[in-house]
Amino acid sequence: MTQRKRKLLGTVALLLLIGAYAVLAVAVAIVLQVRNVSKVAELVYYVVAGLLWVLPAGWLIAWMQRPDA
């Protein structure tokens, strides 16, 4: 697969990943608020959830940037 095709597929996949992750993160945040967890636990969740999406996005971007054979 050429780098150009990988970038196209990777861009679409990245947009889908971020959209799905945002929906999932909001759903978990709502559950935390309904269960009245402590503010510290909420803060920890928001920090972790705010940074966790970077790992799969980084792997995807690294795959997209791989040079052609």
PDB file of N, CA and C in Angstrom:
ATOM      1  N   MET A   1       0.855  -1.173   0.000  1.00  0.00           N
ATOM      2  CA  MET A   1       0.000   0.000   0.000  1.00  0.00           C
ATOM      3  C   MET A   1       0.903   1.238   0.000  1.00  0.00           C
ATOM      4  N   THR A   2       0.554   2.190  -0.813  1.00  0.00           N
ATOM      5  CA  THR A   2       1.368   3.396  -0.896  1.00  0.00           C
ATOM      6  C   THR A   2       1.090   4.306   0.297  1.00  0.00           C
ATOM      7  N   GLN A   3       2.027   5.198   0.529  1.00  0.00           N
ATOM      8  CA  GLN A   3       1.871   6.125   1.644  1.00  0.00           C
ATOM      9  C   GLN A   3       0.652   7.013   1.439  1.00  0.00           C
ATOM     10  N   ARG A   4       0.380   7.355   0.205  1.00  0.00           N
ATOM     11  CA  ARG A   4      -0.784   8.203  -0.081  1.00  0.00           C
ATOM     12  C   ARG A   4      -2.089   7.517   0.331  1.00  0.00           C
ATOM     13  N   LYS A   5      -2.213   6.221   0.021  1.00  0.00           N
ATOM     14  CA  LYS A   5      -3.415   5.467   0.407  1.00  0.00           C
ATOM     15  C   LYS A   5      -3.490   5.291   1.916  1.00  0.00           C
ATOM     16  N   ARG A   6      -2.321   5.047   2.541  1.00  0.00           N
ATOM     17  CA  ARG A   6      -2.311   4.917   4.004  1.00  0.00           C
ATOM     18  C   ARG A   6      -2.765   6.206   4.670  1.00  0.00           C
ATOM     19  N   LYS A   7      -2.345   7.338   4.132  1.00  0.00           N
ATOM     20  CA  LYS A   7      -2.752   8.624   4.715  1.00  0.00           C
ATOM     21  C   LYS A   7      -4.251   8.845   4.572  1.00  0.00           C
ATOM     22  N   LEU A   8      -4.813   8.464   3.442  1.00  0.00           N
ATOM     23  CA  LEU A   8      -6.252   8.600   3.255  1.00  0.00           C
ATOM     24  C   LEU A   8      -7.012   7.711   4.230  1.00  0.00           C
ATOM     25  N   LEU A   9      -6.646   6.432   4.285  1.00  0.00           N
ATOM     26  CA  LEU A   9      -7.311   5.514   5.207  1.00  0.00           C
ATOM     27  C   LEU A   9      -7.073   5.909   6.666  1.00  0.00           C
ATOM     28  N   GLY A  10      -5.861   6.340   6.958  1.00  0.00           N
ATOM     29  CA  GLY A  10      -5.536   6.741   8.317  1.00  0.00           C
ATOM     30  C   GLY A  10      -6.304   7.975   8.765  1.00  0.00           C
ATOM     31  N   THR A  11      -6.507   8.907   7.850  1.00  0.00           N
ATOM     32  CA  THR A  11      -7.267  10.112   8.192  1.00  0.00           C
ATOM     33  C   THR A  11      -8.711   9.768   8.515  1.00  0.00           C
ATOM     34  N   VAL A  12      -9.308   8.921   7.692  1.00  0.00           N
ATOM     35  CA  VAL A  12     -10.687   8.495   7.943  1.00  0.00           C
ATOM     36  C   VAL A  12     -10.765   7.724   9.258  1.00  0.00           C
ATOM     37  N   ALA A  13      -9.822   6.808   9.463  1.00  0.00           N
ATOM     38  CA  ALA A  13      -9.810   6.017  10.701  1.00  0.00           C
ATOM     39  C   ALA A  13      -9.603   6.907  11.925  1.00  0.00           C
ATOM     40  N   LEU A  14      -8.749   7.914  11.801  1.00  0.00           N
ATOM     41  CA  LEU A  14      -8.497   8.822  12.922  1.00  0.00           C
ATOM     42  C   LEU A  14      -9.746   9.622  13.281  1.00  0.00           C
ATOM     43  N   LEU A  15     -10.465  10.090  12.278  1.00  0.00           N
ATOM     44  CA  LEU A  15     -11.708  10.812  12.541  1.00  0.00           C
ATOM     45  C   LEU A  15     -12.741   9.912  13.220  1.00  0.00           C
ATOM     46  N   LEU A  16     -12.857   8.669  12.747  1.00  0.00           N
ATOM     47  CA  LEU A  16     -13.793   7.724  13.368  1.00  0.00           C
ATOM     48  C   LEU A  16     -13.366   7.384  14.795  1.00  0.00           C
ATOM     49  N   LEU A  17     -12.072   7.199  14.989  1.00  0.00           N
ATOM     50  CA  LEU A  17     -11.547   6.884  16.317  1.00  0.00           C
ATOM     51  C   LEU A  17     -11.851   8.002  17.307  1.00  0.00           C
ATOM     52  N   ILE A  18     -11.586   9.225  16.912  1.00  0.00           N
ATOM     53  CA  ILE A  18     -11.809  10.352  17.821  1.00  0.00           C
ATOM     54  C   ILE A  18     -13.295  10.522  18.119  1.00  0.00           C
ATOM     55  N   GLY A  19     -14.145  10.352  17.102  1.00  0.00           N
ATOM     56  CA  GLY A  19     -15.592  10.466  17.319  1.00  0.00           C
ATOM     57  C   GLY A  19     -16.114   9.396  18.261  1.00  0.00           C
ATOM     58  N   ALA A  20     -15.726   8.146  18.011  1.00  0.00           N
ATOM     59  CA  ALA A  20     -16.179   7.048  18.868  1.00  0.00           C
ATOM     60  C   ALA A  20     -15.627   7.188  20.280  1.00  0.00           C
ATOM     61  N   TYR A  21     -14.371   7.609  20.399  1.00  0.00           N
ATOM     62  CA  TYR A  21     -13.770   7.778  21.713  1.00  0.00           C
ATOM     63  C   TYR A  21     -14.467   8.880  22.499  1.00  0.00           C
ATOM     64  N   ALA A  22     -14.816   9.954  21.829  1.00  0.00           N
ATOM     65  CA  ALA A  22     -15.499  11.055  22.514  1.00  0.00           C
ATOM     66  C   ALA A  22     -16.852  10.608  23.046  1.00  0.00           C
ATOM     67  N   VAL A  23     -17.596   9.866  22.248  1.00  0.00           N
ATOM     68  CA  VAL A  23     -18.908   9.369  22.688  1.00  0.00           C
ATOM     69  C   VAL A  23     -18.741   8.447  23.888  1.00  0.00           C
ATOM     70  N   LEU A  24     -17.772   7.545  23.812  1.00  0.00           N
ATOM     71  CA  LEU A  24     -17.528   6.617  24.921  1.00  0.00           C
ATOM     72  C   LEU A  24     -17.084   7.357  26.183  1.00  0.00           C
ATOM     73  N   ALA A  25     -16.208   8.332  26.037  1.00  0.00           N
ATOM     74  CA  ALA A  25     -15.720   9.089  27.199  1.00  0.00           C
ATOM     75  C   ALA A  25     -16.848   9.872  27.863  1.00  0.00           C
ATOM     76  N   VAL A  26     -17.719  10.452  27.066  1.00  0.00           N
ATOM     77  CA  VAL A  26     -18.853  11.197  27.630  1.00  0.00           C
ATOM     78  C   VAL A  26     -19.813  10.241  28.338  1.00  0.00           C
ATOM     79  N   ALA A  27     -20.047   9.071  27.759  1.00  0.00           N
ATOM     80  CA  ALA A  27     -20.948   8.094  28.393  1.00  0.00           C
ATOM     81  C   ALA A  27     -20.409   7.664  29.755  1.00  0.00           C
ATOM     82  N   VAL A  28     -19.117   7.409  29.836  1.00  0.00           N
ATOM     83  CA  VAL A  28     -18.522   7.022  31.120  1.00  0.00           C
ATOM     84  C   VAL A  28     -18.602   8.190  32.104  1.00  0.00           C
ATOM     85  N   ALA A  29     -18.375   9.410  31.642  1.00  0.00           N
ATOM     86  CA  ALA A  29     -18.459  10.582  32.527  1.00  0.00           C
ATOM     87  C   ALA A  29     -19.869  10.739  33.090  1.00  0.00           C
ATOM     88  N   ILE A  30     -20.869  10.476  32.273  1.00  0.00           N
ATOM     89  CA  ILE A  30     -22.253  10.571  32.751  1.00  0.00           C
ATOM     90  C   ILE A  30     -22.515   9.527  33.830  1.00  0.00           C
ATOM     91  N   VAL A  31     -22.027   8.320  33.622  1.00  0.00           N
ATOM     92  CA  VAL A  31     -22.201   7.266  34.630  1.00  0.00           C
ATOM     93  C   VAL A  31     -21.513   7.669  35.935  1.00  0.00           C
ATOM     94  N   LEU A  32     -20.337   8.263  35.846  1.00  0.00           N
ATOM     95  CA  LEU A  32     -19.639   8.697  37.064  1.00  0.00           C
ATOM     96  C   LEU A  32     -20.431   9.764  37.808  1.00  0.00           C
ATOM     97  N   GLN A  33     -21.065  10.673  37.085  1.00  0.00           N
ATOM     98  CA  GLN A  33     -21.843  11.718  37.735  1.00  0.00           C
ATOM     99  C   GLN A  33     -23.116  11.157  38.356  1.00  0.00           C
ATOM    100  N   VAL A  34     -23.725  10.193  37.693  1.00  0.00           N
ATOM    101  CA  VAL A  34     -24.952   9.595  38.234  1.00  0.00           C
ATOM    102  C   VAL A  34     -24.655   8.849  39.525  1.00  0.00           C
ATOM    103  N   ARG A  35     -23.511   8.214  39.586  1.00  0.00           N
ATOM    104  CA  ARG A  35     -23.152   7.444  40.782  1.00  0.00           C
ATOM    105  C   ARG A  35     -22.546   8.298  41.880  1.00  0.00           C
ATOM    106  N   ASN A  36     -22.432   9.577  41.662  1.00  0.00           N
ATOM    107  CA  ASN A  36     -21.910  10.513  42.664  1.00  0.00           C
ATOM    108  C   ASN A  36     -20.547  10.102  43.210  1.00  0.00           C
ATOM    109  N   VAL A  37     -19.603   9.848  42.319  1.00  0.00           N
ATOM    110  CA  VAL A  37     -18.247   9.548  42.774  1.00  0.00           C
ATOM    111  C   VAL A  37     -17.592  10.840  43.238  1.00  0.00           C
ATOM    112  N   SER A  38     -16.491  10.708  43.929  1.00  0.00           N
ATOM    113  CA  SER A  38     -15.826  11.893  44.484  1.00  0.00           C
ATOM    114  C   SER A  38     -15.269  12.777  43.369  1.00  0.00           C
ATOM    115  N   LYS A  39     -15.059  14.024  43.697  1.00  0.00           N
ATOM    116  CA  LYS A  39     -14.516  14.978  42.728  1.00  0.00           C
ATOM    117  C   LYS A  39     -13.094  14.614  42.321  1.00  0.00           C
ATOM    118  N   VAL A  40     -12.348  14.021  43.240  1.00  0.00           N
ATOM    119  CA  VAL A  40     -10.984  13.599  42.917  1.00  0.00           C
ATOM    120  C   VAL A  40     -11.013  12.485  41.875  1.00  0.00           C
ATOM    121  N   ALA A  41     -11.929  11.526  42.039  1.00  0.00           N
ATOM    122  CA  ALA A  41     -12.052  10.442  41.068  1.00  0.00           C
ATOM    123  C   ALA A  41     -12.477  10.986  39.706  1.00  0.00           C
ATOM    124  N   GLU A  42     -13.377  11.959  39.698  1.00  0.00           N
ATOM    125  CA  GLU A  42     -13.787  12.583  38.438  1.00  0.00           C
ATOM    126  C   GLU A  42     -12.603  13.284  37.777  1.00  0.00           C
ATOM    127  N   LEU A  43     -11.821  14.004  38.556  1.00  0.00           N
ATOM    128  CA  LEU A  43     -10.662  14.696  38.027  1.00  0.00           C
ATOM    129  C   LEU A  43      -9.665  13.713  37.411  1.00  0.00           C
ATOM    130  N   VAL A  44      -9.401  12.632  38.122  1.00  0.00           N
ATOM    131  CA  VAL A  44      -8.490  11.610  37.608  1.00  0.00           C
ATOM    132  C   VAL A  44      -9.035  11.032  36.305  1.00  0.00           C
ATOM    133  N   TYR A  45     -10.337  10.752  36.257  1.00  0.00           N
ATOM    134  CA  TYR A  45     -10.939  10.221  35.036  1.00  0.00           C
ATOM    135  C   TYR A  45     -10.760  11.191  33.874  1.00  0.00           C
ATOM    136  N   TYR A  46     -11.042  12.466  34.085  1.00  0.00           N
ATOM    137  CA  TYR A  46     -10.948  13.439  33.003  1.00  0.00           C
ATOM    138  C   TYR A  46      -9.509  13.590  32.497  1.00  0.00           C
ATOM    139  N   VAL A  47      -8.546  13.543  33.396  1.00  0.00           N
ATOM    140  CA  VAL A  47      -7.148  13.630  32.977  1.00  0.00           C
ATOM    141  C   VAL A  47      -6.765  12.400  32.157  1.00  0.00           C
ATOM    142  N   VAL A  48      -7.109  11.222  32.658  1.00  0.00           N
ATOM    143  CA  VAL A  48      -6.763   9.983  31.947  1.00  0.00           C
ATOM    144  C   VAL A  48      -7.508   9.905  30.618  1.00  0.00           C
ATOM    145  N   ALA A  49      -8.798  10.167  30.629  1.00  0.00           N
ATOM    146  CA  ALA A  49      -9.586  10.093  29.400  1.00  0.00           C
ATOM    147  C   ALA A  49      -9.154  11.149  28.396  1.00  0.00           C
ATOM    148  N   GLY A  50      -8.715  12.287  28.878  1.00  0.00           N
ATOM    149  CA  GLY A  50      -8.274  13.344  27.983  1.00  0.00           C
ATOM    150  C   GLY A  50      -6.967  13.032  27.294  1.00  0.00           C
ATOM    151  N   LEU A  51      -6.170  12.166  27.870  1.00  0.00           N
ATOM    152  CA  LEU A  51      -4.861  11.828  27.295  1.00  0.00           C
ATOM    153  C   LEU A  51      -4.815  10.441  26.653  1.00  0.00           C
ATOM    154  N   LEU A  52      -5.727   9.568  26.982  1.00  0.00           N
ATOM    155  CA  LEU A  52      -5.657   8.182  26.539  1.00  0.00           C
ATOM    156  C   LEU A  52      -5.821   8.001  25.035  1.00  0.00           C
ATOM    157  N   TRP A  53      -6.571   8.870  24.383  1.00  0.00           N
ATOM    158  CA  TRP A  53      -6.787   8.742  22.950  1.00  0.00           C
ATOM    159  C   TRP A  53      -5.512   8.974  22.149  1.00  0.00           C
ATOM    160  N   VAL A  54      -4.496   9.574  22.775  1.00  0.00           N
ATOM    161  CA  VAL A  54      -3.264   9.890  22.069  1.00  0.00           C
ATOM    162  C   VAL A  54      -2.508   8.621  21.667  1.00  0.00           C
ATOM    163  N   LEU A  55      -2.593   7.554  22.462  1.00  0.00           N
ATOM    164  CA  LEU A  55      -1.858   6.330  22.155  1.00  0.00           C
ATOM    165  C   LEU A  55      -2.290   5.703  20.823  1.00  0.00           C
ATOM    166  N   PRO A  56      -3.575   5.363  20.638  1.00  0.00           N
ATOM    167  CA  PRO A  56      -3.939   4.786  19.336  1.00  0.00           C
ATOM    168  C   PRO A  56      -3.774   5.779  18.187  1.00  0.00           C
ATOM    169  N   ALA A  57      -3.979   7.057  18.446  1.00  0.00           N
ATOM    170  CA  ALA A  57      -3.789   8.051  17.391  1.00  0.00           C
ATOM    171  C   ALA A  57      -2.316   8.123  16.987  1.00  0.00           C
ATOM    172  N   GLY A  58      -1.423   8.028  17.932  1.00  0.00           N
ATOM    173  CA  GLY A  58       0.012   8.042  17.636  1.00  0.00           C
ATOM    174  C   GLY A  58       0.437   6.844  16.819  1.00  0.00           C
ATOM    175  N   TRP A  59      -0.094   5.670  17.183  1.00  0.00           N
ATOM    176  CA  TRP A  59       0.233   4.468  16.411  1.00  0.00           C
ATOM    177  C   TRP A  59      -0.295   4.580  14.982  1.00  0.00           C
ATOM    178  N   LEU A  60      -1.480   5.120  14.852  1.00  0.00           N
ATOM    179  CA  LEU A  60      -2.082   5.284  13.534  1.00  0.00           C
ATOM    180  C   LEU A  60      -1.286   6.285  12.693  1.00  0.00           C
ATOM    181  N   ILE A  61      -0.867   7.368  13.291  1.00  0.00           N
ATOM    182  CA  ILE A  61      -0.079   8.364  12.563  1.00  0.00           C
ATOM    183  C   ILE A  61       1.287   7.800  12.180  1.00  0.00           C
ATOM    184  N   ALA A  62       1.891   7.024  13.053  1.00  0.00           N
ATOM    185  CA  ALA A  62       3.171   6.392  12.720  1.00  0.00           C
ATOM    186  C   ALA A  62       3.007   5.441  11.537  1.00  0.00           C
ATOM    187  N   TRP A  63       1.919   4.695  11.504  1.00  0.00           N
ATOM    188  CA  TRP A  63       1.637   3.801  10.376  1.00  0.00           C
ATOM    189  C   TRP A  63       1.437   4.600   9.095  1.00  0.00           C
ATOM    190  N   MET A  64       0.741   5.713   9.193  1.00  0.00           N
ATOM    191  CA  MET A  64       0.492   6.547   8.018  1.00  0.00           C
ATOM    192  C   MET A  64       1.793   7.117   7.449  1.00  0.00           C
ATOM    193  N   GLN A  65       2.759   7.448   8.285  1.00  0.00           N
ATOM    194  CA  GLN A  65       3.984   8.090   7.864  1.00  0.00           C
ATOM    195  C   GLN A  65       5.073   7.120   7.414  1.00  0.00           C
ATOM    196  N   ARG A  66       4.806   5.826   7.546  1.00  0.00           N
ATOM    197  CA  ARG A  66       5.810   4.835   7.152  1.00  0.00           C
ATOM    198  C   ARG A  66       6.149   4.997   5.669  1.00  0.00           C
ATOM    199  N   PRO A  67       7.421   5.005   5.306  1.00  0.00           N
ATOM    200  CA  PRO A  67       7.776   5.187   3.889  1.00  0.00           C
ATOM    201  C   PRO A  67       7.389   3.971   3.045  1.00  0.00           C
ATOM    202  N   ASP A  68       7.210   4.221   1.757  1.00  0.00           N
ATOM    203  CA  ASP A  68       6.898   3.129   0.833  1.00  0.00           C
ATOM    204  C   ASP A  68       8.095   2.174   0.723  1.00  0.00           C
ATOM    205  N   ALA A  69       7.788   0.941   0.404  1.00  0.00           N
ATOM    206  CA  ALA A  69       8.850  -0.069   0.281  1.00  0.00           C
ATOM    207  C   ALA A  69       9.685   0.158  -0.966  1.00  0.00           C
TER     208      ALA A  69
END
